[in-house]
Amino acid sequence: MRIAALFDQGLLTHNVGTVLPLADACVAYEILERNRSRPRGKIVLDTSD
C-alpha cells in the first residue's frame, strides 16, 4: 500500500514503453532478446482478458 501512495502523490513514476496482451508474451520475450525493436520504457503484459 505504501507504493500506491507514492504513485498517488507523484513521488514515484514509471515509464511504460509498450503494453501487450498476455497472449503476446512471446512477442515481449522477442523484444527483450532484441529480436524486435525495443521501445523506451518497460514492457507490460496486460492480464485483464
PDB file of N, CA and C in Angstrom:
ATOM      1  N   MET A   1       0.813  -1.198   0.000  1.00  0.00           N
ATOM      2  CA  MET A   1       0.000   0.000   0.000  1.00  0.00           C
ATOM      3  C   MET A   1       0.853   1.256   0.000  1.00  0.00           C
ATOM      4  N   ARG A   2       2.022   1.185   0.552  1.00  0.00           N
ATOM      5  CA  ARG A   2       2.879   2.367   0.581  1.00  0.00           C
ATOM      6  C   ARG A   2       3.310   2.779  -0.818  1.00  0.00           C
ATOM      7  N   ILE A   3       3.551   1.806  -1.679  1.00  0.00           N
ATOM      8  CA  ILE A   3       3.965   2.130  -3.049  1.00  0.00           C
ATOM      9  C   ILE A   3       2.830   2.846  -3.773  1.00  0.00           C
ATOM     10  N   ALA A   4       1.595   2.376  -3.615  1.00  0.00           N
ATOM     11  CA  ALA A   4       0.448   3.029  -4.253  1.00  0.00           C
ATOM     12  C   ALA A   4       0.336   4.473  -3.796  1.00  0.00           C
ATOM     13  N   ALA A   5       0.599   4.735  -2.520  1.00  0.00           N
ATOM     14  CA  ALA A   5       0.533   6.103  -2.001  1.00  0.00           C
ATOM     15  C   ALA A   5       1.601   6.975  -2.657  1.00  0.00           C
ATOM     16  N   LEU A   6       2.781   6.426  -2.889  1.00  0.00           N
ATOM     17  CA  LEU A   6       3.841   7.192  -3.550  1.00  0.00           C
ATOM     18  C   LEU A   6       3.440   7.547  -4.979  1.00  0.00           C
ATOM     19  N   PHE A   7       2.795   6.616  -5.684  1.00  0.00           N
ATOM     20  CA  PHE A   7       2.294   6.918  -7.022  1.00  0.00           C
ATOM     21  C   PHE A   7       1.249   8.024  -6.972  1.00  0.00           C
ATOM     22  N   ASP A   8       0.326   7.896  -6.022  1.00  0.00           N
ATOM     23  CA  ASP A   8      -0.750   8.886  -5.895  1.00  0.00           C
ATOM     24  C   ASP A   8      -0.205  10.280  -5.606  1.00  0.00           C
ATOM     25  N   GLN A   9       0.882  10.355  -4.865  1.00  0.00           N
ATOM     26  CA  GLN A   9       1.477  11.639  -4.507  1.00  0.00           C
ATOM     27  C   GLN A   9       2.397  12.167  -5.606  1.00  0.00           C
ATOM     28  N   GLY A  10       2.638  11.375  -6.628  1.00  0.00           N
ATOM     29  CA  GLY A  10       3.514  11.795  -7.716  1.00  0.00           C
ATOM     30  C   GLY A  10       4.990  11.698  -7.371  1.00  0.00           C
ATOM     31  N   LEU A  11       5.316  10.986  -6.308  1.00  0.00           N
ATOM     32  CA  LEU A  11       6.706  10.840  -5.880  1.00  0.00           C
ATOM     33  C   LEU A  11       7.403   9.660  -6.540  1.00  0.00           C
ATOM     34  N   LEU A  12       6.626   8.778  -7.114  1.00  0.00           N
ATOM     35  CA  LEU A  12       7.164   7.604  -7.790  1.00  0.00           C
ATOM     36  C   LEU A  12       6.564   7.572  -9.190  1.00  0.00           C
ATOM     37  N   THR A  13       7.412   7.480 -10.189  1.00  0.00           N
ATOM     38  CA  THR A  13       6.925   7.469 -11.562  1.00  0.00           C
ATOM     39  C   THR A  13       7.408   6.226 -12.289  1.00  0.00           C
ATOM     40  N   HIS A  14       6.862   5.997 -13.436  1.00  0.00           N
ATOM     41  CA  HIS A  14       7.250   4.860 -14.266  1.00  0.00           C
ATOM     42  C   HIS A  14       7.212   5.282 -15.724  1.00  0.00           C
ATOM     43  N   ASN A  15       7.869   4.513 -16.565  1.00  0.00           N
ATOM     44  CA  ASN A  15       7.901   4.789 -17.991  1.00  0.00           C
ATOM     45  C   ASN A  15       7.517   3.503 -18.722  1.00  0.00           C
ATOM     46  N   VAL A  16       6.281   3.462 -19.208  1.00  0.00           N
ATOM     47  CA  VAL A  16       5.795   2.290 -19.932  1.00  0.00           C
ATOM     48  C   VAL A  16       6.070   2.501 -21.413  1.00  0.00           C
ATOM     49  N   GLY A  17       6.817   1.593 -22.003  1.00  0.00           N
ATOM     50  CA  GLY A  17       7.145   1.690 -23.415  1.00  0.00           C
ATOM     51  C   GLY A  17       6.093   1.060 -24.295  1.00  0.00           C
ATOM     52  N   THR A  18       5.551  -0.085 -23.868  1.00  0.00           N
ATOM     53  CA  THR A  18       4.524  -0.769 -24.638  1.00  0.00           C
ATOM     54  C   THR A  18       3.707  -1.663 -23.717  1.00  0.00           C
ATOM     55  N   VAL A  19       2.437  -1.850 -24.075  1.00  0.00           N
ATOM     56  CA  VAL A  19       1.545  -2.754 -23.350  1.00  0.00           C
ATOM     57  C   VAL A  19       1.068  -3.801 -24.344  1.00  0.00           C
ATOM     58  N   LEU A  20       1.278  -5.057 -23.996  1.00  0.00           N
ATOM     59  CA  LEU A  20       0.890  -6.169 -24.863  1.00  0.00           C
ATOM     60  C   LEU A  20      -0.077  -7.078 -24.112  1.00  0.00           C
ATOM     61  N   PRO A  21      -1.020  -7.705 -24.816  1.00  0.00           N
ATOM     62  CA  PRO A  21      -1.871  -8.688 -24.152  1.00  0.00           C
ATOM     63  C   PRO A  21      -1.042  -9.904 -23.750  1.00  0.00           C
ATOM     64  N   LEU A  22      -1.501 -10.602 -22.734  1.00  0.00           N
ATOM     65  CA  LEU A  22      -0.768 -11.769 -22.243  1.00  0.00           C
ATOM     66  C   LEU A  22      -0.535 -12.788 -23.355  1.00  0.00           C
ATOM     67  N   ALA A  23      -1.459 -12.869 -24.295  1.00  0.00           N
ATOM     68  CA  ALA A  23      -1.306 -13.806 -25.421  1.00  0.00           C
ATOM     69  C   ALA A  23      -0.073 -13.500 -26.256  1.00  0.00           C
ATOM     70  N   ASP A  24       0.445 -12.277 -26.172  1.00  0.00           N
ATOM     71  CA  ASP A  24       1.641 -11.883 -26.922  1.00  0.00           C
ATOM     72  C   ASP A  24       2.902 -11.909 -26.061  1.00  0.00           C
ATOM     73  N   ALA A  25       2.913 -12.762 -25.061  1.00  0.00           N
ATOM     74  CA  ALA A  25       4.090 -12.859 -24.192  1.00  0.00           C
ATOM     75  C   ALA A  25       5.336 -13.242 -24.991  1.00  0.00           C
ATOM     76  N   CYS A  26       5.164 -14.043 -26.034  1.00  0.00           N
ATOM     77  CA  CYS A  26       6.316 -14.421 -26.857  1.00  0.00           C
ATOM     78  C   CYS A  26       6.879 -13.205 -27.586  1.00  0.00           C
ATOM     79  N   VAL A  27       6.024 -12.268 -27.979  1.00  0.00           N
ATOM     80  CA  VAL A  27       6.492 -11.034 -28.615  1.00  0.00           C
ATOM     81  C   VAL A  27       7.291 -10.214 -27.609  1.00  0.00           C
ATOM     82  N   ALA A  28       6.800 -10.156 -26.371  1.00  0.00           N
ATOM     83  CA  ALA A  28       7.519  -9.424 -25.330  1.00  0.00           C
ATOM     84  C   ALA A  28       8.903 -10.026 -25.121  1.00  0.00           C
ATOM     85  N   TYR A  29       8.976 -11.340 -25.129  1.00  0.00           N
ATOM     86  CA  TYR A  29      10.267 -12.012 -24.975  1.00  0.00           C
ATOM     87  C   TYR A  29      11.197 -11.680 -26.141  1.00  0.00           C
ATOM     88  N   GLU A  30      10.666 -11.666 -27.345  1.00  0.00           N
ATOM     89  CA  GLU A  30      11.486 -11.326 -28.516  1.00  0.00           C
ATOM     90  C   GLU A  30      12.000  -9.889 -28.408  1.00  0.00           C
ATOM     91  N   ILE A  31      11.171  -8.993 -27.886  1.00  0.00           N
ATOM     92  CA  ILE A  31      11.620  -7.614 -27.692  1.00  0.00           C
ATOM     93  C   ILE A  31      12.774  -7.592 -26.680  1.00  0.00           C
ATOM     94  N   LEU A  32      12.623  -8.333 -25.593  1.00  0.00           N
ATOM     95  CA  LEU A  32      13.676  -8.371 -24.570  1.00  0.00           C
ATOM     96  C   LEU A  32      14.973  -8.956 -25.113  1.00  0.00           C
ATOM     97  N   GLU A  33      14.841  -9.943 -25.979  1.00  0.00           N
ATOM     98  CA  GLU A  33      16.019 -10.588 -26.561  1.00  0.00           C
ATOM     99  C   GLU A  33      16.577  -9.797 -27.738  1.00  0.00           C
ATOM    100  N   ARG A  34      15.971  -8.646 -28.016  1.00  0.00           N
ATOM    101  CA  ARG A  34      16.390  -7.731 -29.080  1.00  0.00           C
ATOM    102  C   ARG A  34      16.247  -8.319 -30.479  1.00  0.00           C
ATOM    103  N   ASN A  35      15.321  -9.261 -30.642  1.00  0.00           N
ATOM    104  CA  ASN A  35      14.997  -9.759 -31.967  1.00  0.00           C
ATOM    105  C   ASN A  35      13.971  -8.854 -32.651  1.00  0.00           C
ATOM    106  N   ARG A  36      13.396  -7.948 -31.892  1.00  0.00           N
ATOM    107  CA  ARG A  36      12.470  -6.939 -32.396  1.00  0.00           C
ATOM    108  C   ARG A  36      12.918  -5.601 -31.849  1.00  0.00           C
ATOM    109  N   SER A  37      12.447  -4.526 -32.476  1.00  0.00           N
ATOM    110  CA  SER A  37      12.837  -3.206 -31.987  1.00  0.00           C
ATOM    111  C   SER A  37      12.284  -2.995 -30.577  1.00  0.00           C
ATOM    112  N   ARG A  38      13.091  -2.368 -29.753  1.00  0.00           N
ATOM    113  CA  ARG A  38      12.728  -2.209 -28.349  1.00  0.00           C
ATOM    114  C   ARG A  38      12.274  -0.774 -28.075  1.00  0.00           C
ATOM    115  N   PRO A  39      11.075  -0.631 -27.510  1.00  0.00           N
ATOM    116  CA  PRO A  39      10.604   0.703 -27.153  1.00  0.00           C
ATOM    117  C   PRO A  39      11.320   1.202 -25.909  1.00  0.00           C
ATOM    118  N   ARG A  40      11.334   2.505 -25.727  1.00  0.00           N
ATOM    119  CA  ARG A  40      11.888   3.059 -24.492  1.00  0.00           C
ATOM    120  C   ARG A  40      10.874   2.817 -23.390  1.00  0.00           C
ATOM    121  N   GLY A  41      11.322   2.320 -22.277  1.00  0.00           N
ATOM    122  CA  GLY A  41      10.435   2.072 -21.145  1.00  0.00           C
ATOM    123  C   GLY A  41      10.199   0.594 -20.924  1.00  0.00           C
ATOM    124  N   LYS A  42       9.315   0.343 -20.004  1.00  0.00           N
ATOM    125  CA  LYS A  42       9.013  -1.030 -19.597  1.00  0.00           C
ATOM    126  C   LYS A  42       8.052  -1.702 -20.563  1.00  0.00           C
ATOM    127  N   ILE A  43       8.127  -3.018 -20.606  1.00  0.00           N
ATOM    128  CA  ILE A  43       7.191  -3.819 -21.370  1.00  0.00           C
ATOM    129  C   ILE A  43       6.193  -4.385 -20.364  1.00  0.00           C
ATOM    130  N   VAL A  44       4.909  -4.116 -20.579  1.00  0.00           N
ATOM    131  CA  VAL A  44       3.866  -4.535 -19.656  1.00  0.00           C
ATOM    132  C   VAL A  44       2.977  -5.550 -20.350  1.00  0.00           C
ATOM    133  N   LEU A  45       2.715  -6.670 -19.649  1.00  0.00           N
ATOM    134  CA  LEU A  45       1.757  -7.657 -20.159  1.00  0.00           C
ATOM    135  C   LEU A  45       0.428  -7.426 -19.473  1.00  0.00           C
ATOM    136  N   ASP A  46      -0.614  -7.222 -20.274  1.00  0.00           N
ATOM    137  CA  ASP A  46      -1.960  -6.961 -19.769  1.00  0.00           C
ATOM    138  C   ASP A  46      -2.669  -8.293 -19.541  1.00  0.00           C
ATOM    139  N   THR A  47      -3.059  -8.548 -18.306  1.00  0.00           N
ATOM    140  CA  THR A  47      -3.710  -9.813 -17.956  1.00  0.00           C
ATOM    141  C   THR A  47      -5.217  -9.652 -17.774  1.00  0.00           C
ATOM    142  N   SER A  48      -5.778  -8.549 -18.229  1.00  0.00           N
ATOM    143  CA  SER A  48      -7.201  -8.280 -17.971  1.00  0.00           C
ATOM    144  C   SER A  48      -8.158  -9.093 -18.849  1.00  0.00           C
ATOM    145  N   ASP A  49      -7.670  -9.767 -19.863  1.00  0.00           N
ATOM    146  CA  ASP A  49      -8.561 -10.539 -20.737  1.00  0.00           C
ATOM    147  C   ASP A  49      -8.985 -11.827 -20.117  1.00  0.00           C
TER     148      ASP A  49
END
